[in-house]
Amino acid sequence: MDIALFIIGFLLFVGSLVYLVVSLIKKSFTKKKFIGALASGFVLMIIGLSIPSSTETASEPRQAEKEKEKEKEPELTPEQIAANEKAETDKKAKEEAESKAKAEEEAKKKAEQETPDYKLKQAVTKALGKESNREGDKITKLTFDQETGNILVNFKGDENFTENMTITGVQLDIKDTLKAIKTTGVAFNNINIVVSYSMVDQYGNAEESKVIDLDYSKDTIDKINFDNFNTDNIYTVSDIVNFVHQAFVGKK
């Protein structure tokens, strides 16, 4: 049905009836006008009813296409249906397995980050850096014996512009290492700091050698106020001075 034509016809039809009533009252009725309007309205209504709407016309081909496409789709055999269902089940099982493995990996990583070894490594690496300015790793060894509570940190001393600046830099590294370990909250009894440096013998041969070996107890670390601590005292506050090479004794 064409709604527009039907409405126009209906309005003309009703208008002709209104004209009839008004003209009879005013006694100015014209039969020709009345019949013309009435007939026009009636004809437009009939035409409007007989013409299909644009929506219906457009929907019919689409519906026909859908039906045609549906007819073209082959029916699946029971074997194909079972295969599709199995593939969907396998896909779901794989996704669940991957999700479970990811969750387990994240839980493992989180648990690892709570271990004393991980905390110490992260803190000391942050304090000293990863690379030495003399090539290679800055930290050469870092261990924690949970039974004895002893922490061992071996690192390379960095080279500087002068001997005094090199000594001061090493002392500052020791201070930063002790402070970093304290801030981790890891329970320990003793910290052993061993520093190595490239030393040249009387024959001109260079060799990476131990130049500083110090021990600090937990009681000593607890006493140190690192914010105000004078780096020059890093040797004197040590509980045990195992070894300090004469080249690193102090400023000259």
C-alpha atoms as a PDB file:
ATOM      1  CA  MET A   1       0.000   0.000   0.000  1.00  0.00           C
ATOM      2  CA  ASP A   2       1.207   3.505  -0.892  1.00  0.00           C
ATOM      3  CA  ILE A   3       0.467   5.441   2.281  1.00  0.00           C
ATOM      4  CA  ALA A   4       0.964   8.881   0.725  1.00  0.00           C
ATOM      5  CA  LEU A   5      -1.565   8.377  -2.084  1.00  0.00           C
ATOM      6  CA  PHE A   6      -4.036   6.756   0.262  1.00  0.00           C
ATOM      7  CA  ILE A   7      -3.857   9.699   2.698  1.00  0.00           C
ATOM      8  CA  ILE A   8      -4.259  12.277  -0.108  1.00  0.00           C
ATOM      9  CA  GLY A   9      -7.244  10.377  -1.471  1.00  0.00           C
ATOM     10  CA  PHE A  10      -8.765  10.045   1.982  1.00  0.00           C
ATOM     11  CA  LEU A  11      -8.379  13.789   2.631  1.00  0.00           C
ATOM     12  CA  LEU A  12     -10.031  14.611  -0.727  1.00  0.00           C
ATOM     13  CA  PHE A  13     -12.851  12.184   0.020  1.00  0.00           C
ATOM     14  CA  VAL A  14     -13.439  13.655   3.472  1.00  0.00           C
ATOM     15  CA  GLY A  15     -13.028  17.194   2.094  1.00  0.00           C
ATOM     16  CA  SER A  16     -15.754  16.543  -0.491  1.00  0.00           C
ATOM     17  CA  LEU A  17     -18.134  15.428   2.260  1.00  0.00           C
ATOM     18  CA  VAL A  18     -17.313  18.535   4.298  1.00  0.00           C
ATOM     19  CA  TYR A  19     -17.873  20.640   1.176  1.00  0.00           C
ATOM     20  CA  LEU A  20     -21.265  18.974   0.745  1.00  0.00           C
ATOM     21  CA  VAL A  21     -22.349  19.827   4.264  1.00  0.00           C
ATOM     22  CA  VAL A  22     -21.056  23.410   4.148  1.00  0.00           C
ATOM     23  CA  SER A  23     -22.501  24.122   0.687  1.00  0.00           C
ATOM     24  CA  LEU A  24     -25.904  22.775   1.695  1.00  0.00           C
ATOM     25  CA  ILE A  25     -25.909  25.057   4.692  1.00  0.00           C
ATOM     26  CA  LYS A  26     -24.896  28.053   2.590  1.00  0.00           C
ATOM     27  CA  LYS A  27     -27.106  26.859  -0.282  1.00  0.00           C
ATOM     28  CA  SER A  28     -24.219  27.110  -2.699  1.00  0.00           C
ATOM     29  CA  PHE A  29     -23.906  23.435  -3.522  1.00  0.00           C
ATOM     30  CA  THR A  30     -22.267  22.625  -6.847  1.00  0.00           C
ATOM     31  CA  LYS A  31     -22.844  19.067  -7.901  1.00  0.00           C
ATOM     32  CA  LYS A  32     -19.965  19.037 -10.384  1.00  0.00           C
ATOM     33  CA  LYS A  33     -17.360  20.096  -7.811  1.00  0.00           C
ATOM     34  CA  PHE A  34     -18.666  17.681  -5.228  1.00  0.00           C
ATOM     35  CA  ILE A  35     -18.646  14.650  -7.523  1.00  0.00           C
ATOM     36  CA  GLY A  36     -15.207  15.591  -8.887  1.00  0.00           C
ATOM     37  CA  ALA A  37     -13.618  15.853  -5.444  1.00  0.00           C
ATOM     38  CA  LEU A  38     -15.400  12.752  -4.191  1.00  0.00           C
ATOM     39  CA  ALA A  39     -14.378  10.700  -7.204  1.00  0.00           C
ATOM     40  CA  SER A  40     -10.781  11.944  -7.102  1.00  0.00           C
ATOM     41  CA  GLY A  41     -10.431  11.069  -3.455  1.00  0.00           C
ATOM     42  CA  PHE A  42     -11.940   7.650  -3.930  1.00  0.00           C
ATOM     43  CA  VAL A  43      -9.727   6.869  -6.933  1.00  0.00           C
ATOM     44  CA  LEU A  44      -6.544   7.963  -5.079  1.00  0.00           C
ATOM     45  CA  MET A  45      -7.505   5.804  -2.120  1.00  0.00           C
ATOM     46  CA  ILE A  46      -8.003   2.780  -4.397  1.00  0.00           C
ATOM     47  CA  ILE A  47      -4.666   3.431  -6.168  1.00  0.00           C
ATOM     48  CA  GLY A  48      -2.881   3.886  -2.834  1.00  0.00           C
ATOM     49  CA  LEU A  49      -4.241   0.584  -1.584  1.00  0.00           C
ATOM     50  CA  SER A  50      -3.256  -1.263  -4.728  1.00  0.00           C
ATOM     51  CA  ILE A  51       0.369  -0.026  -5.012  1.00  0.00           C
ATOM     52  CA  PRO A  52       2.926  -1.964  -2.865  1.00  0.00           C
ATOM     53  CA  SER A  53       4.997   0.154  -0.479  1.00  0.00           C
ATOM     54  CA  SER A  54       8.711   0.762  -1.165  1.00  0.00           C
ATOM     55  CA  THR A  55       9.646  -1.171   2.002  1.00  0.00           C
ATOM     56  CA  GLU A  56       7.681  -4.211   0.961  1.00  0.00           C
ATOM     57  CA  THR A  57       9.057  -4.000  -2.569  1.00  0.00           C
ATOM     58  CA  ALA A  58      12.647  -3.758  -1.354  1.00  0.00           C
ATOM     59  CA  SER A  59      12.295  -6.456   1.267  1.00  0.00           C
ATOM     60  CA  GLU A  60      10.965  -9.056  -1.139  1.00  0.00           C
ATOM     61  CA  PRO A  61      14.181  -9.397  -3.217  1.00  0.00           C
ATOM     62  CA  ARG A  62      16.302  -9.525  -0.066  1.00  0.00           C
ATOM     63  CA  GLN A  63      14.122 -12.216   1.407  1.00  0.00           C
ATOM     64  CA  ALA A  64      14.289 -14.118  -1.853  1.00  0.00           C
ATOM     65  CA  GLU A  65      18.096 -13.836  -1.856  1.00  0.00           C
ATOM     66  CA  LYS A  66      18.276 -15.138   1.687  1.00  0.00           C
ATOM     67  CA  GLU A  67      16.087 -18.078   0.826  1.00  0.00           C
ATOM     68  CA  LYS A  68      18.225 -18.770  -2.230  1.00  0.00           C
ATOM     69  CA  GLU A  69      21.451 -18.629  -0.228  1.00  0.00           C
ATOM     70  CA  LYS A  70      19.943 -20.894   2.384  1.00  0.00           C
ATOM     71  CA  GLU A  71      19.058 -23.396  -0.304  1.00  0.00           C
ATOM     72  CA  LYS A  72      22.669 -23.294  -1.581  1.00  0.00           C
ATOM     73  CA  GLU A  73      24.145 -24.132   1.837  1.00  0.00           C
ATOM     74  CA  PRO A  74      24.897 -27.839   1.908  1.00  0.00           C
ATOM     75  CA  GLU A  75      23.620 -29.823   4.825  1.00  0.00           C
ATOM     76  CA  LEU A  76      26.367 -31.096   7.119  1.00  0.00           C
ATOM     77  CA  THR A  77      26.814 -34.783   7.632  1.00  0.00           C
ATOM     78  CA  PRO A  78      26.858 -36.209  11.183  1.00  0.00           C
ATOM     79  CA  GLU A  79      30.621 -36.708  10.823  1.00  0.00           C
ATOM     80  CA  GLN A  80      31.126 -33.062   9.869  1.00  0.00           C
ATOM     81  CA  ILE A  81      28.958 -31.878  12.751  1.00  0.00           C
ATOM     82  CA  ALA A  82      30.950 -34.070  15.170  1.00  0.00           C
ATOM     83  CA  ALA A  83      34.232 -32.759  13.719  1.00  0.00           C
ATOM     84  CA  ASN A  84      33.087 -29.145  14.144  1.00  0.00           C
ATOM     85  CA  GLU A  85      32.008 -29.776  17.703  1.00  0.00           C
ATOM     86  CA  LYS A  86      35.355 -31.451  18.486  1.00  0.00           C
ATOM     87  CA  ALA A  87      37.270 -28.532  16.949  1.00  0.00           C
ATOM     88  CA  GLU A  88      35.264 -26.079  19.065  1.00  0.00           C
ATOM     89  CA  THR A  89      35.874 -28.167  22.199  1.00  0.00           C
ATOM     90  CA  ASP A  90      39.605 -28.415  21.457  1.00  0.00           C
ATOM     91  CA  LYS A  91      39.809 -24.678  20.868  1.00  0.00           C
ATOM     92  CA  LYS A  92      38.081 -23.966  24.169  1.00  0.00           C
ATOM     93  CA  ALA A  93      40.331 -26.444  26.009  1.00  0.00           C
ATOM     94  CA  LYS A  94      43.446 -24.835  24.472  1.00  0.00           C
ATOM     95  CA  GLU A  95      42.306 -21.348  25.496  1.00  0.00           C
ATOM     96  CA  GLU A  96      41.619 -22.561  29.051  1.00  0.00           C
ATOM     97  CA  ALA A  97      45.048 -24.268  29.221  1.00  0.00           C
ATOM     98  CA  GLU A  98      46.808 -21.132  27.974  1.00  0.00           C
ATOM     99  CA  SER A  99      44.899 -18.983  30.459  1.00  0.00           C
ATOM    100  CA  LYS A 100      45.787 -21.366  33.300  1.00  0.00           C
ATOM    101  CA  ALA A 101      49.473 -21.436  32.283  1.00  0.00           C
ATOM    102  CA  LYS A 102      49.568 -17.639  32.130  1.00  0.00           C
ATOM    103  CA  ALA A 103      47.973 -17.345  35.579  1.00  0.00           C
ATOM    104  CA  GLU A 104      50.447 -19.871  37.014  1.00  0.00           C
ATOM    105  CA  GLU A 105      53.381 -18.005  35.449  1.00  0.00           C
ATOM    106  CA  GLU A 106      52.189 -14.704  36.887  1.00  0.00           C
ATOM    107  CA  ALA A 107      51.706 -16.297  40.324  1.00  0.00           C
ATOM    108  CA  LYS A 108      55.195 -17.834  40.124  1.00  0.00           C
ATOM    109  CA  LYS A 109      56.716 -14.511  39.136  1.00  0.00           C
ATOM    110  CA  LYS A 110      54.906 -12.712  41.944  1.00  0.00           C
ATOM    111  CA  ALA A 111      56.068 -15.327  44.478  1.00  0.00           C
ATOM    112  CA  GLU A 112      59.626 -15.018  43.184  1.00  0.00           C
ATOM    113  CA  GLN A 113      59.533 -11.261  43.649  1.00  0.00           C
ATOM    114  CA  GLU A 114      58.771 -11.798  47.332  1.00  0.00           C
ATOM    115  CA  THR A 115      61.915 -13.892  47.922  1.00  0.00           C
ATOM    116  CA  PRO A 116      64.880 -12.345  49.782  1.00  0.00           C
ATOM    117  CA  ASP A 117      67.266 -13.136  46.899  1.00  0.00           C
ATOM    118  CA  TYR A 118      65.113 -11.245  44.405  1.00  0.00           C
ATOM    119  CA  LYS A 119      64.677  -8.237  46.703  1.00  0.00           C
ATOM    120  CA  LEU A 120      68.413  -8.048  47.406  1.00  0.00           C
ATOM    121  CA  LYS A 121      69.354  -8.346  43.747  1.00  0.00           C
ATOM    122  CA  GLN A 122      66.893  -5.652  42.708  1.00  0.00           C
ATOM    123  CA  ALA A 123      67.948  -3.255  45.481  1.00  0.00           C
ATOM    124  CA  VAL A 124      71.721  -3.661  45.062  1.00  0.00           C
ATOM    125  CA  THR A 125      71.505  -3.488  41.254  1.00  0.00           C
ATOM    126  CA  LYS A 126      69.513  -0.278  41.531  1.00  0.00           C
ATOM    127  CA  ALA A 127      72.112   1.173  43.914  1.00  0.00           C
ATOM    128  CA  LEU A 128      75.238   0.208  41.936  1.00  0.00           C
ATOM    129  CA  GLY A 129      73.937  -0.104  38.374  1.00  0.00           C
ATOM    130  CA  LYS A 130      74.324  -3.062  36.018  1.00  0.00           C
ATOM    131  CA  GLU A 131      77.500  -2.126  34.131  1.00  0.00           C
ATOM    132  CA  SER A 132      80.952  -1.164  35.391  1.00  0.00           C
ATOM    133  CA  ASN A 133      82.710   1.705  33.632  1.00  0.00           C
ATOM    134  CA  ARG A 134      85.668  -0.664  33.304  1.00  0.00           C
ATOM    135  CA  GLU A 135      83.742  -3.182  31.169  1.00  0.00           C
ATOM    136  CA  GLY A 136      81.620  -6.074  32.330  1.00  0.00           C
ATOM    137  CA  ASP A 137      79.027  -6.407  35.067  1.00  0.00           C
ATOM    138  CA  LYS A 138      79.240  -4.111  38.056  1.00  0.00           C
ATOM    139  CA  ILE A 139      78.103  -6.819  40.494  1.00  0.00           C
ATOM    140  CA  THR A 140      80.200  -9.955  40.143  1.00  0.00           C
ATOM    141  CA  LYS A 141      78.597 -11.949  42.964  1.00  0.00           C
ATOM    142  CA  LEU A 142      75.584 -11.612  45.250  1.00  0.00           C
ATOM    143  CA  THR A 143      74.529 -14.399  47.608  1.00  0.00           C
ATOM    144  CA  PHE A 144      72.358 -14.748  50.691  1.00  0.00           C
ATOM    145  CA  ASP A 145      72.645 -17.696  53.071  1.00  0.00           C
ATOM    146  CA  GLN A 146      69.297 -17.839  54.829  1.00  0.00           C
ATOM    147  CA  GLU A 147      70.580 -20.323  57.434  1.00  0.00           C
ATOM    148  CA  THR A 148      73.397 -18.084  58.658  1.00  0.00           C
ATOM    149  CA  GLY A 149      71.863 -14.778  57.587  1.00  0.00           C
ATOM    150  CA  ASN A 150      75.080 -13.772  55.811  1.00  0.00           C
ATOM    151  CA  ILE A 151      74.968 -11.599  52.680  1.00  0.00           C
ATOM    152  CA  LEU A 152      77.936 -11.449  50.312  1.00  0.00           C
ATOM    153  CA  VAL A 153      78.279  -8.677  47.726  1.00  0.00           C
ATOM    154  CA  ASN A 154      81.216  -8.567  45.317  1.00  0.00           C
ATOM    155  CA  PHE A 155      81.453  -5.655  42.894  1.00  0.00           C
ATOM    156  CA  LYS A 156      83.958  -3.843  40.683  1.00  0.00           C
ATOM    157  CA  GLY A 157      85.220  -0.447  41.716  1.00  0.00           C
ATOM    158  CA  ASP A 158      84.763   2.176  39.004  1.00  0.00           C
ATOM    159  CA  GLU A 159      87.623   4.179  37.556  1.00  0.00           C
ATOM    160  CA  ASN A 160      87.583   7.954  38.044  1.00  0.00           C
ATOM    161  CA  PHE A 161      89.620  11.017  37.036  1.00  0.00           C
ATOM    162  CA  THR A 162      92.001  10.859  40.009  1.00  0.00           C
ATOM    163  CA  GLU A 163      93.025   8.256  42.586  1.00  0.00           C
ATOM    164  CA  ASN A 164      91.262  10.164  45.344  1.00  0.00           C
ATOM    165  CA  MET A 165      88.050  10.382  43.297  1.00  0.00           C
ATOM    166  CA  THR A 166      88.281   6.641  42.594  1.00  0.00           C
ATOM    167  CA  ILE A 167      88.611   5.882  46.325  1.00  0.00           C
ATOM    168  CA  THR A 168      85.709   8.207  47.191  1.00  0.00           C
ATOM    169  CA  GLY A 169      83.570   6.597  44.470  1.00  0.00           C
ATOM    170  CA  VAL A 170      84.228   3.102  45.834  1.00  0.00           C
ATOM    171  CA  GLN A 171      83.436   4.204  49.390  1.00  0.00           C
ATOM    172  CA  LEU A 172      80.201   5.778  48.188  1.00  0.00           C
ATOM    173  CA  ASP A 173      79.293   2.515  46.403  1.00  0.00           C
ATOM    174  CA  ILE A 174      79.814   0.605  49.658  1.00  0.00           C
ATOM    175  CA  LYS A 175      77.600   3.053  51.529  1.00  0.00           C
ATOM    176  CA  ASP A 176      74.850   2.843  48.865  1.00  0.00           C
ATOM    177  CA  THR A 177      75.019  -0.964  48.932  1.00  0.00           C
ATOM    178  CA  LEU A 178      74.583  -1.126  52.702  1.00  0.00           C
ATOM    179  CA  LYS A 179      71.704   1.350  52.571  1.00  0.00           C
ATOM    180  CA  ALA A 180      69.984  -0.562  49.755  1.00  0.00           C
ATOM    181  CA  ILE A 181      70.194  -3.845  51.682  1.00  0.00           C
ATOM    182  CA  LYS A 182      68.767  -2.210  54.802  1.00  0.00           C
ATOM    183  CA  THR A 183      65.779  -0.789  52.920  1.00  0.00           C
ATOM    184  CA  THR A 184      64.760  -4.233  51.570  1.00  0.00           C
ATOM    185  CA  GLY A 185      63.644  -5.345  55.042  1.00  0.00           C
ATOM    186  CA  VAL A 186      65.384  -8.704  54.520  1.00  0.00           C
ATOM    187  CA  ALA A 187      66.414 -10.253  57.860  1.00  0.00           C
ATOM    188  CA  PHE A 188      70.204 -10.752  57.934  1.00  0.00           C
ATOM    189  CA  ASN A 189      73.042 -11.061  60.442  1.00  0.00           C
ATOM    190  CA  ASN A 190      76.084  -9.899  58.508  1.00  0.00           C
ATOM    191  CA  ILE A 191      77.030  -8.176  55.243  1.00  0.00           C
ATOM    192  CA  ASN A 192      80.367  -8.936  53.614  1.00  0.00           C
ATOM    193  CA  ILE A 193      81.447  -6.361  51.007  1.00  0.00           C
ATOM    194  CA  VAL A 194      84.277  -7.313  48.647  1.00  0.00           C
ATOM    195  CA  VAL A 195      85.514  -4.779  46.058  1.00  0.00           C
ATOM    196  CA  SER A 196      87.861  -5.582  43.169  1.00  0.00           C
ATOM    197  CA  TYR A 197      89.908  -3.285  40.984  1.00  0.00           C
ATOM    198  CA  SER A 198      92.417  -3.552  38.163  1.00  0.00           C
ATOM    199  CA  MET A 199      95.822  -3.374  39.867  1.00  0.00           C
ATOM    200  CA  VAL A 200      99.150  -3.079  38.041  1.00  0.00           C
ATOM    201  CA  ASP A 201     102.172  -4.890  39.495  1.00  0.00           C
ATOM    202  CA  GLN A 202     105.802  -3.751  39.367  1.00  0.00           C
ATOM    203  CA  TYR A 203     106.222  -5.431  36.018  1.00  0.00           C
ATOM    204  CA  GLY A 204     103.355  -3.453  34.460  1.00  0.00           C
ATOM    205  CA  ASN A 205     100.894  -6.349  34.369  1.00  0.00           C
ATOM    206  CA  ALA A 206      97.249  -5.481  35.168  1.00  0.00           C
ATOM    207  CA  GLU A 207      95.036  -7.940  36.997  1.00  0.00           C
ATOM    208  CA  GLU A 208      91.579  -7.685  38.587  1.00  0.00           C
ATOM    209  CA  SER A 209      92.324  -8.051  42.288  1.00  0.00           C
ATOM    210  CA  LYS A 210      90.566  -7.764  45.626  1.00  0.00           C
ATOM    211  CA  VAL A 211      91.240  -4.325  47.110  1.00  0.00           C
ATOM    212  CA  ILE A 212      88.612  -4.088  49.899  1.00  0.00           C
ATOM    213  CA  ASP A 213      87.039  -6.755  52.144  1.00  0.00           C
ATOM    214  CA  LEU A 214      84.770  -5.526  54.957  1.00  0.00           C
ATOM    215  CA  ASP A 215      82.154  -7.029  57.290  1.00  0.00           C
ATOM    216  CA  TYR A 216      79.180  -5.164  58.780  1.00  0.00           C
ATOM    217  CA  SER A 217      76.864  -6.679  61.396  1.00  0.00           C
ATOM    218  CA  LYS A 218      73.129  -5.981  61.482  1.00  0.00           C
ATOM    219  CA  ASP A 219      73.587  -4.035  64.746  1.00  0.00           C
ATOM    220  CA  THR A 220      76.072  -1.731  63.020  1.00  0.00           C
ATOM    221  CA  ILE A 221      73.834  -1.218  59.981  1.00  0.00           C
ATOM    222  CA  ASP A 222      70.909  -0.350  62.290  1.00  0.00           C
ATOM    223  CA  LYS A 223      73.021   2.328  63.964  1.00  0.00           C
ATOM    224  CA  ILE A 224      73.942   4.121  60.729  1.00  0.00           C
ATOM    225  CA  ASN A 225      71.863   7.137  59.720  1.00  0.00           C
ATOM    226  CA  PHE A 226      72.600   6.976  55.995  1.00  0.00           C
ATOM    227  CA  ASP A 227      71.128  10.425  55.334  1.00  0.00           C
ATOM    228  CA  ASN A 228      73.824  12.105  57.449  1.00  0.00           C
ATOM    229  CA  PHE A 229      76.550   9.475  57.282  1.00  0.00           C
ATOM    230  CA  ASN A 230      80.052  10.677  56.277  1.00  0.00           C
ATOM    231  CA  THR A 231      81.398   8.365  53.572  1.00  0.00           C
ATOM    232  CA  ASP A 232      84.954   8.787  54.898  1.00  0.00           C
ATOM    233  CA  ASN A 233      83.910   6.666  57.904  1.00  0.00           C
ATOM    234  CA  ILE A 234      82.899   3.657  55.825  1.00  0.00           C
ATOM    235  CA  TYR A 235      86.017   1.708  56.936  1.00  0.00           C
ATOM    236  CA  THR A 236      86.042   2.770  60.595  1.00  0.00           C
ATOM    237  CA  VAL A 237      82.427   1.690  61.284  1.00  0.00           C
ATOM    238  CA  SER A 238      83.071  -1.753  59.801  1.00  0.00           C
ATOM    239  CA  ASP A 239      82.954  -4.560  62.385  1.00  0.00           C
ATOM    240  CA  ILE A 240      85.779  -6.445  60.686  1.00  0.00           C
ATOM    241  CA  VAL A 241      88.282  -4.941  58.258  1.00  0.00           C
ATOM    242  CA  ASN A 242      89.459  -8.097  56.536  1.00  0.00           C
ATOM    243  CA  PHE A 243      91.552  -6.276  53.968  1.00  0.00           C
ATOM    244  CA  VAL A 244      92.035  -2.808  52.457  1.00  0.00           C
ATOM    245  CA  HIS A 245      94.716  -2.353  49.814  1.00  0.00           C
ATOM    246  CA  GLN A 246      97.107   0.469  50.584  1.00  0.00           C
ATOM    247  CA  ALA A 247      96.004   2.216  47.376  1.00  0.00           C
ATOM    248  CA  PHE A 248      92.455   2.411  48.831  1.00  0.00           C
ATOM    249  CA  VAL A 249      93.280   3.302  52.419  1.00  0.00           C
ATOM    250  CA  GLY A 250      91.979   6.814  52.090  1.00  0.00           C
ATOM    251  CA  LYS A 251      92.478  10.243  50.609  1.00  0.00           C
ATOM    252  CA  LYS A 252      96.074  11.444  50.301  1.00  0.00           C
END
